[in-house]
C-alpha atoms as a PDB file:
ATOM      1  CA  MET A   1      42.166   6.065  -1.648  1.00  0.00           C
ATOM      2  CA  LEU A   2      38.875   4.096  -1.820  1.00  0.00           C
ATOM      3  CA  LEU A   3      36.002   5.885  -3.499  1.00  0.00           C
ATOM      4  CA  ALA A   4      32.497   5.451  -2.203  1.00  0.00           C
ATOM      5  CA  SER A   5      29.893   4.040  -4.628  1.00  0.00           C
ATOM      6  CA  PRO A   6      26.787   6.065  -5.521  1.00  0.00           C
ATOM      7  CA  ALA A   7      24.658   3.553  -3.565  1.00  0.00           C
ATOM      8  CA  SER A   8      26.780   4.047  -0.465  1.00  0.00           C
ATOM      9  CA  LEU A   9      26.525   7.757  -0.754  1.00  0.00           C
ATOM     10  CA  LEU A  10      22.774   7.575  -1.021  1.00  0.00           C
ATOM     11  CA  ALA A  11      22.594   5.375   2.087  1.00  0.00           C
ATOM     12  CA  LEU A  12      24.791   7.815   4.039  1.00  0.00           C
ATOM     13  CA  ALA A  13      22.553  10.705   2.924  1.00  0.00           C
ATOM     14  CA  LEU A  14      19.446   8.906   4.067  1.00  0.00           C
ATOM     15  CA  LEU A  15      20.961   8.095   7.404  1.00  0.00           C
ATOM     16  CA  ALA A  16      21.975  11.707   7.927  1.00  0.00           C
ATOM     17  CA  ALA A  17      18.558  13.035   6.955  1.00  0.00           C
ATOM     18  CA  PRO A  18      16.566  14.818   9.727  1.00  0.00           C
ATOM     19  CA  PRO A  19      13.361  13.225  11.042  1.00  0.00           C
ATOM     20  CA  GLY A  20      10.465  13.817   8.711  1.00  0.00           C
ATOM     21  CA  ALA A  21      12.642  14.667   5.728  1.00  0.00           C
ATOM     22  CA  VAL A  22      10.719  14.208   2.448  1.00  0.00           C
ATOM     23  CA  GLU A  23      12.226  11.622   0.077  1.00  0.00           C
ATOM     24  CA  ALA A  24       9.606  11.245  -2.676  1.00  0.00           C
ATOM     25  CA  PRO A  25      11.733   8.929  -4.828  1.00  0.00           C
ATOM     26  CA  LEU A  26      11.587   6.227  -2.099  1.00  0.00           C
ATOM     27  CA  LEU A  27       7.796   6.025  -2.638  1.00  0.00           C
ATOM     28  CA  ALA A  28       8.292   4.349  -6.006  1.00  0.00           C
ATOM     29  CA  GLY A  29       9.461   1.177  -4.258  1.00  0.00           C
ATOM     30  CA  CYS A  30       6.397   0.838  -1.996  1.00  0.00           C
ATOM     31  CA  GLU A  31       4.377  -1.318  -4.416  1.00  0.00           C
ATOM     32  CA  ALA A  32       7.139  -3.918  -4.763  1.00  0.00           C
ATOM     33  CA  ALA A  33       8.465  -3.683  -1.187  1.00  0.00           C
ATOM     34  CA  SER A  34       8.710  -7.009   0.705  1.00  0.00           C
ATOM     35  CA  PRO A  35       7.493  -7.257   4.357  1.00  0.00           C
ATOM     36  CA  HIS A  36      10.287  -9.811   5.016  1.00  0.00           C
ATOM     37  CA  PHE A  37      13.881  -8.944   5.856  1.00  0.00           C
ATOM     38  CA  GLU A  38      16.824 -11.203   6.724  1.00  0.00           C
ATOM     39  CA  LEU A  39      19.877  -9.885   8.622  1.00  0.00           C
ATOM     40  CA  GLU A  40      23.173 -11.652   8.082  1.00  0.00           C
ATOM     41  CA  ALA A  41      25.319 -12.505  11.102  1.00  0.00           C
ATOM     42  CA  VAL A  42      27.755  -9.652  10.277  1.00  0.00           C
ATOM     43  CA  PRO A  43      27.804  -5.973  11.133  1.00  0.00           C
ATOM     44  CA  ASP A  44      25.401  -4.185   8.800  1.00  0.00           C
ATOM     45  CA  GLU A  45      24.498  -0.494   8.770  1.00  0.00           C
ATOM     46  CA  ARG A  46      22.191  -0.617   5.755  1.00  0.00           C
ATOM     47  CA  ALA A  47      18.806   0.989   6.188  1.00  0.00           C
ATOM     48  CA  ARG A  48      15.789  -1.127   5.201  1.00  0.00           C
ATOM     49  CA  VAL A  49      12.889   0.816   3.717  1.00  0.00           C
ATOM     50  CA  VAL A  50       9.367   0.171   5.053  1.00  0.00           C
ATOM     51  CA  CYS A  51       6.268   2.121   3.870  1.00  0.00           C
ATOM     52  CA  VAL A  52       3.774   3.192   6.465  1.00  0.00           C
ATOM     53  CA  SER A  53       0.382   4.940   6.177  1.00  0.00           C
ATOM     54  CA  LEU A  54      -1.861   7.245   8.107  1.00  0.00           C
ATOM     55  CA  HIS A  55      -3.913   5.574  10.895  1.00  0.00           C
ATOM     56  CA  LEU A  56      -2.704   2.077   9.834  1.00  0.00           C
ATOM     57  CA  PRO A  57      -0.586   0.252  12.385  1.00  0.00           C
ATOM     58  CA  THR A  58       2.563  -1.525  11.255  1.00  0.00           C
ATOM     59  CA  THR A  59       4.085  -4.121  13.515  1.00  0.00           C
ATOM     60  CA  PHE A  60       7.761  -5.171  13.273  1.00  0.00           C
ATOM     61  CA  GLN A  61       8.214  -8.735  14.529  1.00  0.00           C
ATOM     62  CA  PHE A  62      11.684 -10.123  15.275  1.00  0.00           C
ATOM     63  CA  ASN A  63      12.871 -13.701  15.950  1.00  0.00           C
ATOM     64  CA  PHE A  64      15.174 -12.514  18.766  1.00  0.00           C
ATOM     65  CA  PRO A  65      14.744 -10.272  21.851  1.00  0.00           C
ATOM     66  CA  LEU A  66      15.353  -6.520  21.786  1.00  0.00           C
ATOM     67  CA  VAL A  67      17.180  -4.475  24.374  1.00  0.00           C
ATOM     68  CA  PRO A  68      14.424  -3.003  26.628  1.00  0.00           C
ATOM     69  CA  GLU A  69      13.463   0.585  25.698  1.00  0.00           C
ATOM     70  CA  SER A  70      16.045   0.586  22.925  1.00  0.00           C
ATOM     71  CA  VAL A  71      13.801   1.460  19.970  1.00  0.00           C
ATOM     72  CA  ASP A  72      15.081   4.900  18.842  1.00  0.00           C
ATOM     73  CA  LEU A  73      12.425   6.465  16.508  1.00  0.00           C
ATOM     74  CA  GLN A  74      13.141   9.949  15.188  1.00  0.00           C
ATOM     75  CA  GLY A  75      10.124  12.178  15.506  1.00  0.00           C
ATOM     76  CA  ARG A  76       8.540   9.739  17.931  1.00  0.00           C
ATOM     77  CA  GLU A  77       6.508  12.562  19.622  1.00  0.00           C
ATOM     78  CA  ARG A  78       4.655  13.074  16.388  1.00  0.00           C
ATOM     79  CA  PHE A  79       3.437   9.518  16.067  1.00  0.00           C
ATOM     80  CA  GLU A  80      -0.153   8.654  16.932  1.00  0.00           C
ATOM     81  CA  ASP A  81       1.076   5.568  18.846  1.00  0.00           C
ATOM     82  CA  VAL A  82       4.301   3.618  19.432  1.00  0.00           C
ATOM     83  CA  SER A  83       4.153   0.315  21.321  1.00  0.00           C
ATOM     84  CA  VAL A  84       7.312  -1.716  22.145  1.00  0.00           C
ATOM     85  CA  GLY A  85       7.328  -5.368  23.221  1.00  0.00           C
ATOM     86  CA  ALA A  86      10.066  -7.844  23.981  1.00  0.00           C
ATOM     87  CA  ARG A  87      10.378  -8.970  20.358  1.00  0.00           C
ATOM     88  CA  SER A  88       8.310  -6.442  18.466  1.00  0.00           C
ATOM     89  CA  PHE A  89       7.249  -2.833  18.118  1.00  0.00           C
ATOM     90  CA  THR A  90       4.206  -1.183  16.474  1.00  0.00           C
ATOM     91  CA  VAL A  91       3.939   2.285  15.021  1.00  0.00           C
ATOM     92  CA  VAL A  92       0.896   4.311  13.881  1.00  0.00           C
ATOM     93  CA  PRO A  93       1.943   7.372  11.762  1.00  0.00           C
ATOM     94  CA  PRO A  94       0.870  10.904  12.821  1.00  0.00           C
ATOM     95  CA  ASP A  95      -2.199  12.701  11.496  1.00  0.00           C
ATOM     96  CA  ASP A  96      -0.096  15.317   9.781  1.00  0.00           C
ATOM     97  CA  VAL A  97       2.204  12.928   7.898  1.00  0.00           C
ATOM     98  CA  VAL A  98       3.028  13.916   4.370  1.00  0.00           C
ATOM     99  CA  PRO A  99       3.591  11.269   1.615  1.00  0.00           C
ATOM    100  CA  GLY A 100       7.321  10.925   1.196  1.00  0.00           C
ATOM    101  CA  GLU A 101       8.256  11.825   4.730  1.00  0.00           C
ATOM    102  CA  VAL A 102      11.009   9.597   6.168  1.00  0.00           C
ATOM    103  CA  PHE A 103      11.451   8.636   9.788  1.00  0.00           C
ATOM    104  CA  ARG A 104      14.634   6.734  10.854  1.00  0.00           C
ATOM    105  CA  VAL A 105      14.283   4.017  13.514  1.00  0.00           C
ATOM    106  CA  VAL A 106      17.092   2.008  15.173  1.00  0.00           C
ATOM    107  CA  VAL A 107      16.583  -1.208  17.134  1.00  0.00           C
ATOM    108  CA  ARG A 108      19.257  -2.934  19.292  1.00  0.00           C
ATOM    109  CA  PHE A 109      19.408  -6.617  20.064  1.00  0.00           C
ATOM    110  CA  ALA A 110      19.739  -8.139  23.510  1.00  0.00           C
ATOM    111  CA  ASP A 111      21.892 -11.195  22.885  1.00  0.00           C
ATOM    112  CA  GLY A 112      25.231  -9.435  22.173  1.00  0.00           C
ATOM    113  CA  ALA A 113      25.754 -11.136  18.824  1.00  0.00           C
ATOM    114  CA  THR A 114      26.298  -9.359  15.508  1.00  0.00           C
ATOM    115  CA  PRO A 115      24.723  -7.409  14.043  1.00  0.00           C
ATOM    116  CA  GLU A 116      24.104  -5.509  17.284  1.00  0.00           C
ATOM    117  CA  SER A 117      21.447  -3.248  15.705  1.00  0.00           C
ATOM    118  CA  ALA A 118      19.323  -2.649  12.633  1.00  0.00           C
ATOM    119  CA  VAL A 119      18.153   0.507  10.929  1.00  0.00           C
ATOM    120  CA  PHE A 120      14.848   1.035   9.161  1.00  0.00           C
ATOM    121  CA  LEU A 121      13.545   4.026   7.161  1.00  0.00           C
ATOM    122  CA  LEU A 122       9.771   4.483   7.597  1.00  0.00           C
ATOM    123  CA  VAL A 123       8.460   6.190   4.413  1.00  0.00           C
ATOM    124  CA  ALA A 124       4.976   7.692   4.528  1.00  0.00           C
ATOM    125  CA  HIS A 125       2.693   6.422   1.729  1.00  0.00           C
ATOM    126  CA  PRO A 126      -1.024   7.253   1.172  1.00  0.00           C
ATOM    127  CA  ALA A 127      -2.110   3.563   1.437  1.00  0.00           C
ATOM    128  CA  LEU A 128       0.621   0.901   0.942  1.00  0.00           C
ATOM    129  CA  SER A 129       1.727  -0.226   4.419  1.00  0.00           C
ATOM    130  CA  PRO A 130       2.247  -3.840   5.557  1.00  0.00           C
ATOM    131  CA  ARG A 131       0.418  -4.752   8.728  1.00  0.00           C
ATOM    132  CA  ARG A 132       3.314  -7.012   9.711  1.00  0.00           C
ATOM    133  CA  VAL A 133       6.993  -6.790   8.938  1.00  0.00           C
ATOM    134  CA  GLU A 134       9.033  -9.875   9.736  1.00  0.00           C
ATOM    135  CA  VAL A 135      12.738  -9.535  10.502  1.00  0.00           C
ATOM    136  CA  PHE A 136      14.875 -12.661  10.660  1.00  0.00           C
ATOM    137  CA  ARG A 137      18.371 -12.701  12.053  1.00  0.00           C
ATOM    138  CA  ARG A 138      21.057 -15.392  11.606  1.00  0.00           C
ATOM    139  CA  ALA A 139      19.441 -18.875  11.595  1.00  0.00           C
ATOM    140  CA  ARG A 140      16.087 -18.728   9.906  1.00  0.00           C
ATOM    141  CA  PRO A 141      13.353 -21.227  10.838  1.00  0.00           C
ATOM    142  CA  VAL A 142      12.335 -23.833   8.181  1.00  0.00           C
ATOM    143  CA  ALA A 143       8.760 -22.809   8.658  1.00  0.00           C
ATOM    144  CA  SER A 144       9.567 -19.265   7.402  1.00  0.00           C
ATOM    145  CA  PHE A 145      11.044 -20.686   4.218  1.00  0.00           C
ATOM    146  CA  GLN A 146       7.947 -22.840   3.738  1.00  0.00           C
ATOM    147  CA  GLN A 147       5.660 -19.835   4.350  1.00  0.00           C
ATOM    148  CA  GLU A 148       7.585 -17.697   1.827  1.00  0.00           C
ATOM    149  CA  ALA A 149       7.624 -20.511  -0.757  1.00  0.00           C
ATOM    150  CA  ALA A 150       3.878 -21.022  -0.329  1.00  0.00           C
ATOM    151  CA  ALA A 151       3.249 -17.304  -0.708  1.00  0.00           C
ATOM    152  CA  ALA A 152       5.362 -17.201  -3.860  1.00  0.00           C
ATOM    153  CA  THR A 153       3.493 -20.197  -5.299  1.00  0.00           C
ATOM    154  CA  ALA A 154       0.170 -18.598  -4.580  1.00  0.00           C
ATOM    155  CA  GLU A 155       1.285 -15.316  -6.156  1.00  0.00           C
ATOM    156  CA  THR A 156       2.524 -17.180  -9.282  1.00  0.00           C
ATOM    157  CA  GLN A 157      -0.799 -18.987  -9.632  1.00  0.00           C
ATOM    158  CA  ARG A 158      -2.692 -15.753  -9.223  1.00  0.00           C
ATOM    159  CA  CYS A 159      -0.606 -14.060 -11.900  1.00  0.00           C
ATOM    160  CA  GLN A 160      -1.038 -17.052 -14.271  1.00  0.00           C
ATOM    161  CA  ALA A 161      -4.820 -16.945 -13.768  1.00  0.00           C
ATOM    162  CA  GLU A 162      -4.869 -13.192 -14.390  1.00  0.00           C
ATOM    163  CA  VAL A 163      -2.838 -13.553 -17.605  1.00  0.00           C
ATOM    164  CA  GLY A 164      -5.164 -16.287 -18.794  1.00  0.00           C
ATOM    165  CA  GLN A 165      -8.182 -14.153 -18.064  1.00  0.00           C
ATOM    166  CA  LEU A 166      -6.720 -11.140 -19.855  1.00  0.00           C
ATOM    167  CA  ARG A 167      -5.902 -13.285 -22.916  1.00  0.00           C
ATOM    168  CA  ALA A 168      -9.444 -14.676 -22.933  1.00  0.00           C
ATOM    169  CA  GLU A 169     -10.961 -11.194 -22.663  1.00  0.00           C
ATOM    170  CA  ARG A 170      -9.018 -10.008 -25.770  1.00  0.00           C
ATOM    171  CA  THR A 171     -10.968 -12.448 -27.897  1.00  0.00           C
ATOM    172  CA  VAL A 172     -14.480 -11.358 -26.885  1.00  0.00           C
ATOM    173  CA  PRO A 173     -16.481  -8.615 -28.607  1.00  0.00           C
ATOM    174  CA  ASP A 174     -17.095  -5.120 -27.188  1.00  0.00           C
ATOM    175  CA  GLY A 175     -20.164  -3.707 -25.354  1.00  0.00           C
ATOM    176  CA  LEU A 176     -22.903  -5.872 -23.805  1.00  0.00           C
ATOM    177  CA  ARG A 177     -21.910  -8.800 -26.076  1.00  0.00           C
ATOM    178  CA  GLY A 178     -18.489  -8.755 -24.513  1.00  0.00           C
ATOM    179  CA  MET A 179     -19.842  -8.674 -21.013  1.00  0.00           C
ATOM    180  CA  ILE A 180     -22.140 -11.575 -21.678  1.00  0.00           C
ATOM    181  CA  ALA A 181     -19.329 -13.492 -23.470  1.00  0.00           C
ATOM    182  CA  SER A 182     -17.006 -12.877 -20.493  1.00  0.00           C
ATOM    183  CA  GLY A 183     -19.552 -14.340 -18.091  1.00  0.00           C
ATOM    184  CA  LEU A 184     -19.955 -11.072 -16.109  1.00  0.00           C
ATOM    185  CA  VAL A 185     -23.773 -10.960 -16.515  1.00  0.00           C
ATOM    186  CA  GLY A 186     -25.328 -13.438 -14.112  1.00  0.00           C
ATOM    187  CA  GLU A 187     -28.952 -14.207 -13.249  1.00  0.00           C
ATOM    188  CA  GLU A 188     -29.216 -10.956 -11.310  1.00  0.00           C
ATOM    189  CA  GLY A 189     -27.680  -8.876 -14.058  1.00  0.00           C
ATOM    190  CA  ILE A 190     -25.368  -6.004 -12.980  1.00  0.00           C
ATOM    191  CA  ALA A 191     -26.331  -4.095  -9.838  1.00  0.00           C
ATOM    192  CA  VAL A 192     -25.390  -0.395  -9.416  1.00  0.00           C
ATOM    193  CA  LYS A 193     -25.346   1.707  -6.167  1.00  0.00           C
ATOM    194  CA  ALA A 194     -25.023   5.465  -5.861  1.00  0.00           C
ATOM    195  CA  LEU A 195     -22.631   6.476  -3.095  1.00  0.00           C
ATOM    196  CA  SER A 196     -22.206  10.228  -3.470  1.00  0.00           C
ATOM    197  CA  THR A 197     -24.165  11.128  -0.342  1.00  0.00           C
ATOM    198  CA  SER A 198     -22.840   8.271   1.867  1.00  0.00           C
ATOM    199  CA  VAL A 199     -19.077   8.174   1.389  1.00  0.00           C
ATOM    200  CA  THR A 200     -16.701  10.069   3.665  1.00  0.00           C
ATOM    201  CA  ARG A 201     -13.853  12.260   2.368  1.00  0.00           C
ATOM    202  CA  GLN A 202     -10.550  12.463   4.103  1.00  0.00           C
ATOM    203  CA  LYS A 203      -9.160  15.872   4.919  1.00  0.00           C
ATOM    204  CA  GLY A 204      -6.395  16.901   2.613  1.00  0.00           C
ATOM    205  CA  ASN A 205      -7.584  15.016  -0.485  1.00  0.00           C
ATOM    206  CA  ALA A 206      -5.745  16.286  -3.534  1.00  0.00           C
ATOM    207  CA  LEU A 207      -8.896  16.192  -5.746  1.00  0.00           C
ATOM    208  CA  ALA A 208     -12.544  16.896  -5.035  1.00  0.00           C
ATOM    209  CA  LEU A 209     -15.258  14.326  -5.268  1.00  0.00           C
ATOM    210  CA  HIS A 210     -17.860  15.011  -8.008  1.00  0.00           C
ATOM    211  CA  GLY A 211     -19.663  11.706  -7.921  1.00  0.00           C
ATOM    212  CA  ILE A 212     -19.143   7.997  -7.016  1.00  0.00           C
ATOM    213  CA  ARG A 213     -21.059   4.799  -7.643  1.00  0.00           C
ATOM    214  CA  SER A 214     -20.333   1.075  -7.176  1.00  0.00           C
ATOM    215  CA  SER A 215     -21.430  -1.920  -9.105  1.00  0.00           C
ATOM    216  CA  ARG A 216     -21.364  -5.722  -8.824  1.00  0.00           C
ATOM    217  CA  ALA A 217     -21.294  -8.244 -11.688  1.00  0.00           C
ATOM    218  CA  GLU A 218     -20.629 -11.997 -11.730  1.00  0.00           C
ATOM    219  CA  GLY A 219     -17.373 -12.378  -9.820  1.00  0.00           C
ATOM    220  CA  ARG A 220     -16.442  -8.687  -9.957  1.00  0.00           C
ATOM    221  CA  VAL A 221     -17.101  -5.401  -8.120  1.00  0.00           C
ATOM    222  CA  ALA A 222     -16.137  -1.976  -9.330  1.00  0.00           C
ATOM    223  CA  VAL A 223     -16.093   1.655  -8.168  1.00  0.00           C
ATOM    224  CA  GLU A 224     -16.492   4.538 -10.608  1.00  0.00           C
ATOM    225  CA  VAL A 225     -15.204   7.807  -9.176  1.00  0.00           C
ATOM    226  CA  LYS A 226     -15.613  11.241 -10.772  1.00  0.00           C
ATOM    227  CA  LEU A 227     -13.146  13.855  -9.518  1.00  0.00           C
ATOM    228  CA  THR A 228     -12.354  17.526 -10.228  1.00  0.00           C
ATOM    229  CA  ASN A 229      -8.810  18.835 -10.022  1.00  0.00           C
ATOM    230  CA  PRO A 230      -8.328  22.052  -8.007  1.00  0.00           C
ATOM    231  CA  GLY A 231      -4.579  21.956  -8.597  1.00  0.00           C
ATOM    232  CA  THR A 232      -2.404  23.346 -11.416  1.00  0.00           C
ATOM    233  CA  ARG A 233      -1.121  20.070 -12.869  1.00  0.00           C
ATOM    234  CA  PRO A 234      -3.003  17.218 -14.638  1.00  0.00           C
ATOM    235  CA  TRP A 235      -3.617  14.162 -12.428  1.00  0.00           C
ATOM    236  CA  THR A 236      -3.425  10.501 -13.436  1.00  0.00           C
ATOM    237  CA  ALA A 237      -4.121   7.615 -11.066  1.00  0.00           C
ATOM    238  CA  VAL A 238      -1.322   5.051 -11.001  1.00  0.00           C
ATOM    239  CA  GLY A 239      -2.344   3.025  -7.926  1.00  0.00           C
ATOM    240  CA  ALA A 240      -5.321   2.162  -5.750  1.00  0.00           C
ATOM    241  CA  VAL A 241      -6.184   0.165  -2.607  1.00  0.00           C
ATOM    242  CA  LEU A 242      -9.637  -1.063  -1.408  1.00  0.00           C
ATOM    243  CA  ARG A 243      -9.198  -1.971   2.284  1.00  0.00           C
ATOM    244  CA  ASP A 244     -11.895  -3.225   4.641  1.00  0.00           C
ATOM    245  CA  ALA A 245     -12.200  -2.475   8.394  1.00  0.00           C
ATOM    246  CA  ARG A 246      -9.975  -5.446   9.293  1.00  0.00           C
ATOM    247  CA  GLY A 247      -7.207  -4.232   6.985  1.00  0.00           C
ATOM    248  CA  GLU A 248      -7.791  -6.829   4.270  1.00  0.00           C
ATOM    249  CA  VAL A 249      -7.513  -5.648   0.681  1.00  0.00           C
ATOM    250  CA  LEU A 250      -9.270  -6.782  -2.468  1.00  0.00           C
ATOM    251  CA  LYS A 251      -7.351  -8.108  -5.446  1.00  0.00           C
ATOM    252  CA  LEU A 252      -7.564  -5.227  -7.950  1.00  0.00           C
ATOM    253  CA  LEU A 253      -7.483  -5.455 -11.730  1.00  0.00           C
ATOM    254  CA  PRO A 254      -5.634  -2.767 -13.716  1.00  0.00           C
ATOM    255  CA  LEU A 255      -7.055   0.746 -13.204  1.00  0.00           C
ATOM    256  CA  TRP A 256      -8.974   2.376 -16.040  1.00  0.00           C
ATOM    257  CA  GLN A 257      -8.788   6.125 -16.572  1.00  0.00           C
ATOM    258  CA  PRO A 258      -9.744   7.439 -20.020  1.00  0.00           C
ATOM    259  CA  GLU A 259      -7.532  10.502 -19.743  1.00  0.00           C
ATOM    260  CA  PRO A 260      -5.725  12.661 -17.180  1.00  0.00           C
ATOM    261  CA  ILE A 261      -7.956  14.857 -15.046  1.00  0.00           C
ATOM    262  CA  LEU A 262      -7.101  18.443 -15.992  1.00  0.00           C
ATOM    263  CA  PRO A 263      -7.135  21.356 -13.611  1.00  0.00           C
ATOM    264  CA  GLY A 264     -10.567  23.036 -13.542  1.00  0.00           C
ATOM    265  CA  PRO A 265     -14.220  22.358 -12.951  1.00  0.00           C
ATOM    266  CA  VAL A 266     -14.620  19.574 -15.522  1.00  0.00           C
ATOM    267  CA  PRO A 267     -14.629  16.182 -13.780  1.00  0.00           C
ATOM    268  CA  GLY A 268     -12.705  13.125 -14.901  1.00  0.00           C
ATOM    269  CA  ARG A 269     -13.279   9.444 -14.303  1.00  0.00           C
ATOM    270  CA  VAL A 270     -11.309   6.618 -12.636  1.00  0.00           C
ATOM    271  CA  VAL A 271     -12.669   3.073 -12.471  1.00  0.00           C
ATOM    272  CA  VAL A 272     -11.337   0.583  -9.894  1.00  0.00           C
ATOM    273  CA  GLU A 273     -12.292  -3.043 -10.447  1.00  0.00           C
ATOM    274  CA  ALA A 274     -11.636  -6.101  -8.249  1.00  0.00           C
ATOM    275  CA  GLN A 275     -12.323  -9.766  -8.235  1.00  0.00           C
ATOM    276  CA  ALA A 276     -14.995 -10.690  -5.681  1.00  0.00           C
ATOM    277  CA  GLU A 277     -17.379 -13.564  -5.244  1.00  0.00           C
ATOM    278  CA  PRO A 278     -21.038 -12.847  -4.116  1.00  0.00           C
ATOM    279  CA  THR A 279     -20.079 -13.530  -0.501  1.00  0.00           C
ATOM    280  CA  GLU A 280     -17.112 -11.098  -0.611  1.00  0.00           C
ATOM    281  CA  ALA A 281     -16.863  -7.299  -0.531  1.00  0.00           C
ATOM    282  CA  GLN A 282     -19.913  -7.073   1.744  1.00  0.00           C
ATOM    283  CA  GLY A 283     -18.743  -4.490   4.328  1.00  0.00           C
ATOM    284  CA  PRO A 284     -17.632  -0.853   4.068  1.00  0.00           C
ATOM    285  CA  TYR A 285     -14.278  -0.261   2.358  1.00  0.00           C
ATOM    286  CA  THR A 286     -11.780   2.595   2.231  1.00  0.00           C
ATOM    287  CA  LEU A 287     -10.685   3.526  -1.275  1.00  0.00           C
ATOM    288  CA  THR A 288      -7.331   5.294  -1.745  1.00  0.00           C
ATOM    289  CA  LEU A 289      -6.106   6.487  -5.139  1.00  0.00           C
ATOM    290  CA  TRP A 290      -2.726   8.135  -5.765  1.00  0.00           C
ATOM    291  CA  GLY A 291      -1.012   9.858  -8.661  1.00  0.00           C
ATOM    292  CA  GLU A 292       2.405   9.446 -10.238  1.00  0.00           C
ATOM    293  CA  ASP A 293       4.525  10.685  -7.365  1.00  0.00           C
ATOM    294  CA  ALA A 294       2.187   9.296  -4.585  1.00  0.00           C
ATOM    295  CA  THR A 295       1.961  12.760  -3.041  1.00  0.00           C
ATOM    296  CA  ARG A 296      -1.400  13.705  -4.557  1.00  0.00           C
ATOM    297  CA  ALA A 297      -3.787  11.131  -3.083  1.00  0.00           C
ATOM    298  CA  VAL A 298      -7.552  10.813  -2.643  1.00  0.00           C
ATOM    299  CA  THR A 299      -9.089   8.732   0.195  1.00  0.00           C
ATOM    300  CA  LEU A 300     -12.816   7.917   0.450  1.00  0.00           C
ATOM    301  CA  GLY A 301     -14.402   5.930   3.261  1.00  0.00           C
ATOM    302  CA  ASP A 302     -17.640   3.955   3.629  1.00  0.00           C
ATOM    303  CA  VAL A 303     -17.484   2.570   0.119  1.00  0.00           C
ATOM    304  CA  THR A 304     -20.029  -0.265  -0.184  1.00  0.00           C
ATOM    305  CA  PHE A 305     -21.198  -2.548  -2.963  1.00  0.00           C
ATOM    306  CA  PRO A 306     -24.646  -3.713  -4.078  1.00  0.00           C
END
């Protein structure tokens, strides 16, 4: 008798899960999740995980036609919007979505070839959701390989530049001397802007806003957020996103948090820093911070920079 592997058992458990079931462990893969999938020309019942977020549309684009009205989305009535096209469908998660909730969606293909269908698991995340998910089946266009190679090259160059910058910063002194040595202090100095009375707070934030201000230096912007923790467990930020009205995100540097924010009235600090030229980061942004399990998140809107 053949024994099922642990991975197979996990996949079967996920496929059998009811709509909206909470699978917090799946959230851990959202940061590294790829928005590109390739389906081999063989029957395949594996479920591909895609992270989705509140109010942010995610579009699945296929290189083949779908059977009309064949998109089967569990819990569809809860979604804010579901739009289906000949080769695509778009979903906007519901207002009451909880981080870690899982919604199973099945699509069926119209050409009669294998695989006849594909399964996706939509996992609710506070902020990490691709605007576009590309699904390739059987023959894959050369242009898609070129696009992926170009994206990988650009990401490698970005990482190399960041490593070089971090190495250079390790050799400079602390304090104002270090800022000057790093080239962060330009002709205009460092500008600071108070935001406590202008930002908007999303309903259901896990922590309460105590104060917030933004700053701009040479080639950098930053947001300093002070939060109080009304819960019963310490809170440490492990991820952040700064997203503008068009859905574009800034390239963030590593978060800085001196210590976990403890339950109680004493506020703690989190600083989010991003690379930005003087012509960038000019409009309002939405800042989302989340903790270790991604279920305790904070979202603040109308974040602007000097």
